[in-house]
Amino acid sequence: MLSNSIIGVISKKGNGKSYFVKTEILAKKIYPRQIILDTQNEYNSFGVIIEDLESLRTFLLTYGEKNFSIVYKLKEMDDTNEFFHISRQVNNYCLIVEEIHLFCDPHNIQEDLRNSIALGRHKQRSLVYISQ
């Protein structure tokens, strides 16, 4: 397991970014605890599908320190701040964000995402992000 890592997968559209993450990170189970923020409906076979914030919160509280793989289906962009806030309440996992450019740009980043990245090493959190 890669502990406290940040991995960015950046390339042009159609160059295999998502395929790389699926085959080299998810399929090989490099991270035994992971939350996938699925913005493109591409990760259905990689974990428990969760489609609302309350179910996400309940799952994470119930699961405790056990291994898990969650695929959170983002339906409303308005839910992203709360999603990042909820995910910050968990330690020792990897957050995988598809199309991270939807949530930040070179000048701005959502506060809870920024805090999660900045404090991740103290909470054994890793980040894998994918962007064009």
Protein backbone atom coordinates (compact mmCIF):
# COMPACT_ATOMS: atom_id res chain seq x y z
CA MET A 1 0.00 0.00 0.00
CA LEU A 2 1.21 3.48 -0.82
CA SER A 3 0.73 5.50 2.35
CA ASN A 4 0.04 9.22 2.29
CA SER A 5 0.62 9.53 -1.44
CA ILE A 6 -0.73 11.95 -4.00
CA ILE A 7 -0.89 10.58 -7.51
CA GLY A 8 -2.04 12.74 -10.42
CA VAL A 9 -3.00 11.17 -13.73
CA ILE A 10 -3.15 13.94 -16.31
CA SER A 11 -3.37 13.61 -20.07
CA LYS A 12 -5.50 14.41 -23.11
CA LYS A 13 -9.01 13.03 -23.50
CA GLY A 14 -8.96 9.41 -24.66
CA ASN A 15 -5.37 8.61 -23.64
CA GLY A 16 -6.31 5.97 -21.05
CA LYS A 17 -6.20 7.87 -17.75
CA SER A 18 -9.23 6.13 -16.25
CA TYR A 19 -8.14 2.79 -17.69
CA PHE A 20 -4.76 3.19 -15.97
CA VAL A 21 -6.36 3.93 -12.60
CA LYS A 22 -8.76 0.99 -12.97
CA THR A 23 -6.11 -1.56 -13.98
CA GLU A 24 -3.04 -0.39 -12.07
CA ILE A 25 -4.53 0.99 -8.86
CA LEU A 26 -8.04 -0.33 -8.30
CA ALA A 27 -7.76 -3.85 -9.76
CA LYS A 28 -4.48 -4.43 -7.91
CA LYS A 29 -6.06 -3.23 -4.64
CA ILE A 30 -3.13 -0.98 -3.80
CA TYR A 31 -5.37 0.83 -1.30
CA PRO A 32 -7.52 -1.47 0.88
CA ARG A 33 -9.75 1.45 1.91
CA GLN A 34 -10.93 3.73 -0.86
CA ILE A 35 -13.63 6.21 -1.76
CA ILE A 36 -14.09 6.81 -5.48
CA LEU A 37 -15.83 10.03 -6.52
CA ASP A 38 -17.36 8.83 -9.79
CA THR A 39 -18.45 11.80 -11.88
CA GLN A 40 -18.60 9.89 -15.18
CA ASN A 41 -20.42 6.69 -14.13
CA GLU A 42 -17.36 4.56 -14.94
CA TYR A 43 -16.56 2.70 -11.71
CA ASN A 44 -19.63 0.54 -11.00
CA SER A 45 -17.65 -2.67 -10.54
CA PHE A 46 -15.11 -1.26 -8.08
CA GLY A 47 -17.10 -1.05 -4.85
CA VAL A 48 -20.34 -0.47 -3.02
CA ILE A 49 -22.42 2.04 -4.98
CA ILE A 50 -23.63 4.96 -2.86
CA GLU A 51 -25.78 7.68 -4.35
CA ASP A 52 -26.63 10.05 -1.51
CA LEU A 53 -24.71 11.84 1.21
CA GLU A 54 -26.64 10.40 4.16
CA SER A 55 -25.95 6.83 2.99
CA LEU A 56 -22.28 7.73 2.60
CA ARG A 57 -22.13 9.14 6.12
CA THR A 58 -23.92 6.09 7.56
CA PHE A 59 -21.69 3.63 5.70
CA LEU A 60 -18.50 5.29 6.89
CA LEU A 61 -19.71 5.44 10.51
CA THR A 62 -20.80 1.81 10.41
CA TYR A 63 -17.72 0.42 8.73
CA GLY A 64 -15.22 1.81 11.23
CA GLU A 65 -11.70 0.58 10.56
CA LYS A 66 -12.63 -2.28 8.19
CA ASN A 67 -11.49 -2.27 4.58
CA PHE A 68 -13.94 -0.82 2.09
CA SER A 69 -14.35 0.35 -1.46
CA ILE A 70 -17.07 2.93 -2.04
CA VAL A 71 -18.15 4.35 -5.38
CA TYR A 72 -19.97 7.60 -4.70
CA LYS A 73 -22.16 8.67 -7.61
CA LEU A 74 -22.17 12.46 -7.66
CA LYS A 75 -25.54 13.64 -8.94
CA GLU A 76 -25.53 17.31 -7.96
CA MET A 77 -22.48 19.56 -8.06
CA ASP A 78 -23.97 21.33 -5.02
CA ASP A 79 -23.22 18.15 -3.02
CA THR A 80 -19.46 18.28 -3.52
CA ASN A 81 -18.63 20.46 -0.50
CA GLU A 82 -20.57 18.12 1.78
CA PHE A 83 -19.02 15.06 0.10
CA PHE A 84 -15.49 16.36 0.74
CA HIS A 85 -16.47 17.32 4.29
CA ILE A 86 -17.81 13.82 5.03
CA SER A 87 -14.77 12.14 3.48
CA ARG A 88 -12.49 14.24 5.71
CA GLN A 89 -14.03 12.58 8.77
CA VAL A 90 -12.37 9.26 7.83
CA ASN A 91 -8.71 8.37 8.25
CA ASN A 92 -6.44 5.87 6.55
CA TYR A 93 -7.95 5.65 3.07
CA CYS A 94 -7.45 6.78 -0.50
CA LEU A 95 -9.75 9.29 -2.18
CA ILE A 96 -9.92 8.76 -5.93
CA VAL A 97 -11.37 11.73 -7.81
CA GLU A 98 -12.32 11.40 -11.47
CA GLU A 99 -12.30 14.73 -13.36
CA ILE A 100 -10.87 16.72 -10.45
CA HIS A 101 -10.87 19.84 -12.65
CA LEU A 102 -14.64 20.00 -11.96
CA PHE A 103 -13.80 20.88 -8.34
CA CYS A 104 -10.72 23.07 -8.67
CA ASP A 105 -8.57 24.99 -11.11
CA PRO A 106 -5.07 26.48 -10.89
CA HIS A 107 -6.43 29.42 -8.86
CA ASN A 108 -9.23 27.98 -6.72
CA ILE A 109 -9.92 24.77 -4.85
CA GLN A 110 -12.92 23.84 -2.73
CA GLU A 111 -12.10 24.39 0.93
CA ASP A 112 -12.81 20.86 2.18
CA LEU A 113 -10.85 19.32 -0.69
CA ARG A 114 -7.93 21.67 0.03
CA ASN A 115 -8.03 20.80 3.73
CA SER A 116 -8.20 17.09 2.98
CA ILE A 117 -5.12 17.33 0.78
CA ALA A 118 -3.21 19.61 3.16
CA LEU A 119 -3.90 17.49 6.24
CA GLY A 120 -3.95 14.12 4.52
CA ARG A 121 -0.49 13.03 5.60
CA HIS A 122 -1.46 13.48 9.25
CA LYS A 123 -4.54 11.28 8.82
CA GLN A 124 -2.99 8.61 6.54
CA ARG A 125 -5.05 9.78 3.56
CA SER A 126 -3.91 9.39 -0.01
CA LEU A 127 -5.30 11.03 -3.13
CA VAL A 128 -5.44 9.79 -6.70
CA TYR A 129 -6.82 12.36 -9.11
CA ILE A 130 -7.58 12.23 -12.80
CA SER A 131 -7.84 15.27 -15.04
CA GLN A 132 -7.39 16.50 -18.58
